[in-house]
Amino acid sequence: MAGAGVASRRASEEIIRAGRVSVDGELVTDPARDVGEHNTVTVDGNRIAEHSAELVVYALNKPAGVVSTASDTHGRPTVVELVHSRARLYPVGRLDADTTGLILLTNDGELAYRLTHPSFEVDKTYRAVVRGAPVSERALRQLREGVPLEDGLTAPARVTRVKPDTLEITIHEGRKRQVKRMCEHVGHRVIELQRVRFGPLRLGELGPGKYRRLSEREVSLLRGAGRGRPSPGAPGRRVSGSS
């Protein structure tokens, strides 16, 4: 399903468990069910074909107020609506509605899995404007060494103070609101947050609300991003977004 561009791997698992998928006319709720070329797979009654869609990746500079989902029950604008493509796209990970900057959209489930699974440790860099400037050396040291949050100690981050009130923070985890919570823990509330890099890809001069399709070389670099490799069936923290 991920390879056919239906949804990301994690979203596909949820679709299967919800009873929306059939194999050869039989309802399937186990994501581990094996299928082959001879099987007919349908989602909500619509047949899908393995690798039937061209795999594409887009970079978008997400504006504030836009949500990082394919659809929104509250009628808010979504990142998918901003990218005009024939492919059925979904965002790679999430940014909070008030966070701006680089987000990727694709129909390549395997790539999305690699970029978001915590075992691969793909770096993301954020530029945070904070209250209570200047940020002290003590606070910078805490961020670099890891800070205790309610869901555990964070991994060491790379942190640069580019202005008295502005930090660039590179992390490879994907905890919910992680950068904001880290800064709040050391006494500096985030008032503006922008993601400026995802793996090897930088936001660059892409304007707010603008997008571009990535080149084959850029996609190849993304496929090689990160360090770890999860073992089959490896558990991982669900990536909700780290802004």
C-alpha atoms as a PDB file:
ATOM      1  CA  MET A   1       0.000   0.000   0.000  1.00  0.00           C
ATOM      2  CA  ALA A   2       2.820   2.363   0.820  1.00  0.00           C
ATOM      3  CA  GLY A   3       4.579   1.524  -2.438  1.00  0.00           C
ATOM      4  CA  ALA A   4       1.386   2.152  -4.392  1.00  0.00           C
ATOM      5  CA  GLY A   5       1.065   5.629  -2.914  1.00  0.00           C
ATOM      6  CA  VAL A   6      -2.040   4.949  -0.835  1.00  0.00           C
ATOM      7  CA  ALA A   7      -0.560   6.230   2.433  1.00  0.00           C
ATOM      8  CA  SER A   8       2.572   6.098   4.551  1.00  0.00           C
ATOM      9  CA  ARG A   9       3.525   2.758   6.091  1.00  0.00           C
ATOM     10  CA  ARG A  10       2.155   3.712   9.507  1.00  0.00           C
ATOM     11  CA  ALA A  11      -1.028   5.173   8.065  1.00  0.00           C
ATOM     12  CA  SER A  12      -1.468   2.049   5.927  1.00  0.00           C
ATOM     13  CA  GLU A  13      -1.285  -0.109   9.047  1.00  0.00           C
ATOM     14  CA  GLU A  14      -4.061   1.966  10.618  1.00  0.00           C
ATOM     15  CA  ILE A  15      -6.182   1.670   7.466  1.00  0.00           C
ATOM     16  CA  ILE A  16      -5.780  -2.122   7.534  1.00  0.00           C
ATOM     17  CA  ARG A  17      -6.640  -2.414  11.218  1.00  0.00           C
ATOM     18  CA  ALA A  18      -9.735  -0.284  10.607  1.00  0.00           C
ATOM     19  CA  GLY A  19     -11.094  -3.009   8.317  1.00  0.00           C
ATOM     20  CA  ARG A  20     -10.882  -0.995   5.108  1.00  0.00           C
ATOM     21  CA  VAL A  21      -8.689  -3.425   3.164  1.00  0.00           C
ATOM     22  CA  SER A  22      -9.568  -6.666   1.396  1.00  0.00           C
ATOM     23  CA  VAL A  23      -7.324  -9.230  -0.294  1.00  0.00           C
ATOM     24  CA  ASP A  24      -9.041 -11.295  -2.994  1.00  0.00           C
ATOM     25  CA  GLY A  25     -12.384 -10.232  -1.546  1.00  0.00           C
ATOM     26  CA  GLU A  26     -11.500 -11.252   2.016  1.00  0.00           C
ATOM     27  CA  LEU A  27     -11.417  -8.570   4.723  1.00  0.00           C
ATOM     28  CA  VAL A  28      -7.932  -8.268   6.246  1.00  0.00           C
ATOM     29  CA  THR A  29      -7.067  -6.591   9.562  1.00  0.00           C
ATOM     30  CA  ASP A  30      -3.506  -7.893  10.038  1.00  0.00           C
ATOM     31  CA  PRO A  31      -0.854  -5.532   8.559  1.00  0.00           C
ATOM     32  CA  ALA A  32       1.606  -8.459   8.427  1.00  0.00           C
ATOM     33  CA  ARG A  33      -0.535 -10.380   5.895  1.00  0.00           C
ATOM     34  CA  ASP A  34       1.616 -11.391   2.905  1.00  0.00           C
ATOM     35  CA  VAL A  35       0.403 -10.571  -0.591  1.00  0.00           C
ATOM     36  CA  GLY A  36       1.877 -11.226  -4.015  1.00  0.00           C
ATOM     37  CA  GLU A  37       1.462 -10.076  -7.592  1.00  0.00           C
ATOM     38  CA  HIS A  38      -1.392 -12.545  -8.069  1.00  0.00           C
ATOM     39  CA  ASN A  39      -3.462 -11.045  -5.234  1.00  0.00           C
ATOM     40  CA  THR A  40      -6.080  -8.349  -5.693  1.00  0.00           C
ATOM     41  CA  VAL A  41      -5.921  -5.703  -2.965  1.00  0.00           C
ATOM     42  CA  THR A  42      -8.683  -3.138  -2.487  1.00  0.00           C
ATOM     43  CA  VAL A  43      -9.014  -0.174  -0.125  1.00  0.00           C
ATOM     44  CA  ASP A  44     -12.579   0.967   0.497  1.00  0.00           C
ATOM     45  CA  GLY A  45     -13.542  -1.136  -2.518  1.00  0.00           C
ATOM     46  CA  ASN A  46     -11.017   0.489  -4.837  1.00  0.00           C
ATOM     47  CA  ARG A  47      -8.339  -1.729  -6.331  1.00  0.00           C
ATOM     48  CA  ILE A  48      -4.693  -0.738  -5.912  1.00  0.00           C
ATOM     49  CA  ALA A  49      -1.709  -1.917  -7.896  1.00  0.00           C
ATOM     50  CA  GLU A  50       1.799  -2.256  -6.517  1.00  0.00           C
ATOM     51  CA  HIS A  51       3.985   0.650  -7.669  1.00  0.00           C
ATOM     52  CA  SER A  52       1.213   1.871  -9.950  1.00  0.00           C
ATOM     53  CA  ALA A  53       2.078   5.511  -9.336  1.00  0.00           C
ATOM     54  CA  GLU A  54       5.255   7.405 -10.157  1.00  0.00           C
ATOM     55  CA  LEU A  55       7.101   8.058  -6.906  1.00  0.00           C
ATOM     56  CA  VAL A  56       7.676  11.760  -6.289  1.00  0.00           C
ATOM     57  CA  VAL A  57       8.934  13.962  -3.462  1.00  0.00           C
ATOM     58  CA  TYR A  58       8.208  17.658  -2.981  1.00  0.00           C
ATOM     59  CA  ALA A  59       9.740  20.200  -0.611  1.00  0.00           C
ATOM     60  CA  LEU A  60       7.327  22.801   0.769  1.00  0.00           C
ATOM     61  CA  ASN A  61       7.961  25.879   2.893  1.00  0.00           C
ATOM     62  CA  LYS A  62       4.984  25.501   5.218  1.00  0.00           C
ATOM     63  CA  PRO A  63       3.385  28.794   6.299  1.00  0.00           C
ATOM     64  CA  ALA A  64       1.961  29.318   9.772  1.00  0.00           C
ATOM     65  CA  GLY A  65      -1.660  28.243  10.212  1.00  0.00           C
ATOM     66  CA  VAL A  66      -1.392  25.317   7.781  1.00  0.00           C
ATOM     67  CA  VAL A  67      -1.702  21.824   9.257  1.00  0.00           C
ATOM     68  CA  SER A  68       0.581  18.929   8.343  1.00  0.00           C
ATOM     69  CA  THR A  69      -2.104  16.445   7.331  1.00  0.00           C
ATOM     70  CA  ALA A  70      -3.777  15.322   4.138  1.00  0.00           C
ATOM     71  CA  SER A  71      -7.187  16.539   5.389  1.00  0.00           C
ATOM     72  CA  ASP A  72      -8.545  18.397   8.409  1.00  0.00           C
ATOM     73  CA  THR A  73     -11.897  17.919  10.119  1.00  0.00           C
ATOM     74  CA  HIS A  74     -11.901  21.561  11.237  1.00  0.00           C
ATOM     75  CA  GLY A  75     -11.563  22.927   7.726  1.00  0.00           C
ATOM     76  CA  ARG A  76      -8.075  24.352   8.196  1.00  0.00           C
ATOM     77  CA  PRO A  77      -5.762  24.528   5.154  1.00  0.00           C
ATOM     78  CA  THR A  78      -3.424  21.547   4.788  1.00  0.00           C
ATOM     79  CA  VAL A  79       0.044  21.111   3.337  1.00  0.00           C
ATOM     80  CA  VAL A  80      -1.324  18.706   0.732  1.00  0.00           C
ATOM     81  CA  GLU A  81      -3.629  21.419  -0.632  1.00  0.00           C
ATOM     82  CA  LEU A  82      -0.643  23.684  -1.277  1.00  0.00           C
ATOM     83  CA  VAL A  83       1.148  21.251  -3.602  1.00  0.00           C
ATOM     84  CA  HIS A  84      -0.412  20.711  -7.001  1.00  0.00           C
ATOM     85  CA  SER A  85       0.407  17.191  -8.135  1.00  0.00           C
ATOM     86  CA  ARG A  86      -1.373  14.287  -9.779  1.00  0.00           C
ATOM     87  CA  ALA A  87       0.154  11.988  -7.182  1.00  0.00           C
ATOM     88  CA  ARG A  88      -1.649  11.164  -3.953  1.00  0.00           C
ATOM     89  CA  LEU A  89       0.684  12.886  -1.508  1.00  0.00           C
ATOM     90  CA  TYR A  90       1.014  12.776   2.254  1.00  0.00           C
ATOM     91  CA  PRO A  91       3.403  14.670   4.554  1.00  0.00           C
ATOM     92  CA  VAL A  92       6.576  13.102   5.904  1.00  0.00           C
ATOM     93  CA  GLY A  93       6.186  13.660   9.642  1.00  0.00           C
ATOM     94  CA  ARG A  94       4.526  16.777  11.011  1.00  0.00           C
ATOM     95  CA  LEU A  95       5.094  20.362  12.018  1.00  0.00           C
ATOM     96  CA  ASP A  96       2.825  22.184  14.457  1.00  0.00           C
ATOM     97  CA  ALA A  97       0.310  24.536  12.844  1.00  0.00           C
ATOM     98  CA  ASP A  98       2.239  27.592  14.065  1.00  0.00           C
ATOM     99  CA  THR A  99       5.635  26.201  12.995  1.00  0.00           C
ATOM    100  CA  THR A 100       6.934  27.170   9.569  1.00  0.00           C
ATOM    101  CA  GLY A 101       9.558  25.835   7.236  1.00  0.00           C
ATOM    102  CA  LEU A 102      10.653  22.739   5.406  1.00  0.00           C
ATOM    103  CA  ILE A 103       8.288  19.786   5.162  1.00  0.00           C
ATOM    104  CA  LEU A 104       8.401  16.977   2.620  1.00  0.00           C
ATOM    105  CA  LEU A 105       5.418  15.469   0.827  1.00  0.00           C
ATOM    106  CA  THR A 106       5.565  12.208  -1.087  1.00  0.00           C
ATOM    107  CA  ASN A 107       3.735   9.117  -2.255  1.00  0.00           C
ATOM    108  CA  ASP A 108       6.795   6.975  -1.525  1.00  0.00           C
ATOM    109  CA  GLY A 109       5.944   5.061   1.627  1.00  0.00           C
ATOM    110  CA  GLU A 110       9.342   3.378   1.958  1.00  0.00           C
ATOM    111  CA  LEU A 111      11.158   6.723   1.856  1.00  0.00           C
ATOM    112  CA  ALA A 112       8.725   8.270   4.329  1.00  0.00           C
ATOM    113  CA  TYR A 113       9.330   5.340   6.669  1.00  0.00           C
ATOM    114  CA  ARG A 114      13.094   5.744   6.466  1.00  0.00           C
ATOM    115  CA  LEU A 115      12.932   9.468   7.148  1.00  0.00           C
ATOM    116  CA  THR A 116      10.601   9.203  10.148  1.00  0.00           C
ATOM    117  CA  HIS A 117      11.467   5.935  11.907  1.00  0.00           C
ATOM    118  CA  PRO A 118      13.506   6.907  15.008  1.00  0.00           C
ATOM    119  CA  SER A 119      16.027   4.090  14.494  1.00  0.00           C
ATOM    120  CA  PHE A 120      17.373   5.828  11.373  1.00  0.00           C
ATOM    121  CA  GLU A 121      18.199   8.988  13.371  1.00  0.00           C
ATOM    122  CA  VAL A 122      17.674  11.443  10.516  1.00  0.00           C
ATOM    123  CA  ASP A 123      18.711  14.951  11.576  1.00  0.00           C
ATOM    124  CA  LYS A 124      16.315  17.897  11.481  1.00  0.00           C
ATOM    125  CA  THR A 125      17.454  21.470  12.115  1.00  0.00           C
ATOM    126  CA  TYR A 126      15.201  24.191  13.530  1.00  0.00           C
ATOM    127  CA  ARG A 127      15.703  27.925  13.994  1.00  0.00           C
ATOM    128  CA  ALA A 128      14.010  29.037  17.214  1.00  0.00           C
ATOM    129  CA  VAL A 129      13.407  32.618  18.373  1.00  0.00           C
ATOM    130  CA  VAL A 130      12.964  32.591  22.143  1.00  0.00           C
ATOM    131  CA  ARG A 131      11.985  34.846  25.015  1.00  0.00           C
ATOM    132  CA  GLY A 132      14.357  35.750  27.836  1.00  0.00           C
ATOM    133  CA  ALA A 133      17.394  36.607  25.700  1.00  0.00           C
ATOM    134  CA  PRO A 134      20.268  36.326  25.825  1.00  0.00           C
ATOM    135  CA  VAL A 135      20.396  32.528  26.041  1.00  0.00           C
ATOM    136  CA  SER A 136      23.059  31.629  28.592  1.00  0.00           C
ATOM    137  CA  GLU A 137      25.964  29.244  28.121  1.00  0.00           C
ATOM    138  CA  ARG A 138      24.437  27.104  30.856  1.00  0.00           C
ATOM    139  CA  ALA A 139      21.203  26.729  28.883  1.00  0.00           C
ATOM    140  CA  LEU A 140      23.132  25.895  25.706  1.00  0.00           C
ATOM    141  CA  ARG A 141      25.112  23.245  27.581  1.00  0.00           C
ATOM    142  CA  GLN A 142      21.924  21.669  28.927  1.00  0.00           C
ATOM    143  CA  LEU A 143      20.409  21.452  25.453  1.00  0.00           C
ATOM    144  CA  ARG A 144      23.601  19.947  24.058  1.00  0.00           C
ATOM    145  CA  GLU A 145      23.822  17.328  26.795  1.00  0.00           C
ATOM    146  CA  GLY A 146      20.113  16.408  26.806  1.00  0.00           C
ATOM    147  CA  VAL A 147      17.258  17.608  28.985  1.00  0.00           C
ATOM    148  CA  PRO A 148      14.756  15.551  31.012  1.00  0.00           C
ATOM    149  CA  LEU A 149      11.214  15.776  29.642  1.00  0.00           C
ATOM    150  CA  GLU A 150       8.115  13.956  30.858  1.00  0.00           C
ATOM    151  CA  ASP A 151       8.677  11.305  28.164  1.00  0.00           C
ATOM    152  CA  GLY A 152      12.363  10.807  28.990  1.00  0.00           C
ATOM    153  CA  LEU A 153      15.782  12.356  28.554  1.00  0.00           C
ATOM    154  CA  THR A 154      16.394  13.847  25.125  1.00  0.00           C
ATOM    155  CA  ALA A 155      19.380  12.794  23.065  1.00  0.00           C
ATOM    156  CA  PRO A 156      22.196  15.335  22.882  1.00  0.00           C
ATOM    157  CA  ALA A 157      21.436  18.103  20.389  1.00  0.00           C
ATOM    158  CA  ARG A 158      23.680  20.282  18.267  1.00  0.00           C
ATOM    159  CA  VAL A 159      22.938  23.864  19.274  1.00  0.00           C
ATOM    160  CA  THR A 160      24.277  27.159  17.917  1.00  0.00           C
ATOM    161  CA  ARG A 161      23.364  30.617  19.217  1.00  0.00           C
ATOM    162  CA  VAL A 162      23.110  32.709  16.034  1.00  0.00           C
ATOM    163  CA  LYS A 163      21.676  35.776  17.810  1.00  0.00           C
ATOM    164  CA  PRO A 164      21.066  36.582  21.492  1.00  0.00           C
ATOM    165  CA  ASP A 165      17.455  35.395  21.087  1.00  0.00           C
ATOM    166  CA  THR A 166      17.860  32.892  18.232  1.00  0.00           C
ATOM    167  CA  LEU A 167      19.085  29.301  18.309  1.00  0.00           C
ATOM    168  CA  GLU A 168      19.681  26.679  15.646  1.00  0.00           C
ATOM    169  CA  ILE A 169      18.930  23.269  17.113  1.00  0.00           C
ATOM    170  CA  THR A 170      19.590  19.956  15.365  1.00  0.00           C
ATOM    171  CA  ILE A 171      17.897  16.825  16.706  1.00  0.00           C
ATOM    172  CA  HIS A 172      17.232  13.353  15.328  1.00  0.00           C
ATOM    173  CA  GLU A 173      14.313  12.384  17.553  1.00  0.00           C
ATOM    174  CA  GLY A 174      10.688  13.049  16.668  1.00  0.00           C
ATOM    175  CA  ARG A 175       8.889  13.642  19.927  1.00  0.00           C
ATOM    176  CA  LYS A 176       5.819  15.825  19.987  1.00  0.00           C
ATOM    177  CA  ARG A 177       6.695  19.536  20.318  1.00  0.00           C
ATOM    178  CA  GLN A 178      10.208  18.481  21.246  1.00  0.00           C
ATOM    179  CA  VAL A 179      12.146  21.653  20.391  1.00  0.00           C
ATOM    180  CA  LYS A 180       9.603  23.864  22.149  1.00  0.00           C
ATOM    181  CA  ARG A 181       9.630  21.679  25.261  1.00  0.00           C
ATOM    182  CA  MET A 182      13.425  21.542  25.334  1.00  0.00           C
ATOM    183  CA  CYS A 183      13.704  25.319  25.198  1.00  0.00           C
ATOM    184  CA  GLU A 184      11.001  25.789  27.818  1.00  0.00           C
ATOM    185  CA  HIS A 185      12.845  23.410  30.131  1.00  0.00           C
ATOM    186  CA  VAL A 186      15.940  25.650  30.088  1.00  0.00           C
ATOM    187  CA  GLY A 187      13.839  28.779  30.658  1.00  0.00           C
ATOM    188  CA  HIS A 188      13.316  30.120  27.153  1.00  0.00           C
ATOM    189  CA  ARG A 189       9.843  29.942  25.639  1.00  0.00           C
ATOM    190  CA  VAL A 190       9.809  29.640  21.845  1.00  0.00           C
ATOM    191  CA  ILE A 191       7.915  32.430  20.087  1.00  0.00           C
ATOM    192  CA  GLU A 192       8.883  31.550  16.490  1.00  0.00           C
ATOM    193  CA  LEU A 193      10.002  28.220  15.092  1.00  0.00           C
ATOM    194  CA  GLN A 194      11.103  27.305  11.594  1.00  0.00           C
ATOM    195  CA  ARG A 195      12.539  24.052  10.273  1.00  0.00           C
ATOM    196  CA  VAL A 196      15.444  24.908   7.991  1.00  0.00           C
ATOM    197  CA  ARG A 197      16.860  21.461   7.223  1.00  0.00           C
ATOM    198  CA  PHE A 198      15.612  17.875   6.922  1.00  0.00           C
ATOM    199  CA  GLY A 199      18.439  15.359   6.568  1.00  0.00           C
ATOM    200  CA  PRO A 200      20.705  16.625   3.767  1.00  0.00           C
ATOM    201  CA  LEU A 201      18.023  18.922   2.346  1.00  0.00           C
ATOM    202  CA  ARG A 202      17.958  22.632   3.240  1.00  0.00           C
ATOM    203  CA  LEU A 203      15.059  25.065   2.963  1.00  0.00           C
ATOM    204  CA  GLY A 204      17.217  27.562   1.085  1.00  0.00           C
ATOM    205  CA  GLU A 205      15.454  30.373  -0.756  1.00  0.00           C
ATOM    206  CA  LEU A 206      12.095  28.619  -1.079  1.00  0.00           C
ATOM    207  CA  GLY A 207       9.472  31.237  -0.165  1.00  0.00           C
ATOM    208  CA  PRO A 208       6.578  30.719   2.274  1.00  0.00           C
ATOM    209  CA  GLY A 209       3.853  28.608   0.671  1.00  0.00           C
ATOM    210  CA  LYS A 210       6.121  27.722  -2.263  1.00  0.00           C
ATOM    211  CA  TYR A 211       7.153  24.212  -3.225  1.00  0.00           C
ATOM    212  CA  ARG A 212       9.324  22.352  -5.680  1.00  0.00           C
ATOM    213  CA  ARG A 213       9.764  18.781  -6.812  1.00  0.00           C
ATOM    214  CA  LEU A 214      13.035  17.240  -5.700  1.00  0.00           C
ATOM    215  CA  SER A 215      15.560  16.018  -8.244  1.00  0.00           C
ATOM    216  CA  GLU A 216      16.596  12.372  -8.483  1.00  0.00           C
ATOM    217  CA  ARG A 217      19.902  13.286  -6.859  1.00  0.00           C
ATOM    218  CA  GLU A 218      18.154  14.955  -3.913  1.00  0.00           C
ATOM    219  CA  VAL A 219      15.862  11.967  -3.435  1.00  0.00           C
ATOM    220  CA  SER A 220      18.879   9.653  -3.552  1.00  0.00           C
ATOM    221  CA  LEU A 221      20.548  11.727  -0.821  1.00  0.00           C
ATOM    222  CA  LEU A 222      17.401  11.463   1.310  1.00  0.00           C
ATOM    223  CA  ARG A 223      17.364   7.684   0.888  1.00  0.00           C
ATOM    224  CA  GLY A 224      20.871   7.564   2.313  1.00  0.00           C
ATOM    225  CA  ALA A 225      20.144   9.914   5.218  1.00  0.00           C
ATOM    226  CA  GLY A 226      20.478   8.855   8.830  1.00  0.00           C
ATOM    227  CA  ARG A 227      22.615   6.368  10.667  1.00  0.00           C
ATOM    228  CA  GLY A 228      20.670   3.511  12.223  1.00  0.00           C
ATOM    229  CA  ARG A 229      18.809   0.646  10.629  1.00  0.00           C
ATOM    230  CA  PRO A 230      15.775  -0.801  12.425  1.00  0.00           C
ATOM    231  CA  SER A 231      15.549  -4.557  12.707  1.00  0.00           C
ATOM    232  CA  PRO A 232      12.434  -6.236  11.239  1.00  0.00           C
ATOM    233  CA  GLY A 233       9.452  -5.413  13.392  1.00  0.00           C
ATOM    234  CA  ALA A 234      11.501  -3.038  15.528  1.00  0.00           C
ATOM    235  CA  PRO A 235       9.371  -0.887  17.808  1.00  0.00           C
ATOM    236  CA  GLY A 236       9.787   2.834  17.575  1.00  0.00           C
ATOM    237  CA  ARG A 237       8.374   6.010  18.993  1.00  0.00           C
ATOM    238  CA  ARG A 238       5.502   7.179  16.861  1.00  0.00           C
ATOM    239  CA  VAL A 239       6.580  10.308  15.057  1.00  0.00           C
ATOM    240  CA  SER A 240       4.097  13.066  15.785  1.00  0.00           C
ATOM    241  CA  GLY A 241       6.326  15.999  14.972  1.00  0.00           C
ATOM    242  CA  SER A 242       9.196  17.660  16.760  1.00  0.00           C
ATOM    243  CA  SER A 243       8.406  21.331  16.463  1.00  0.00           C
END
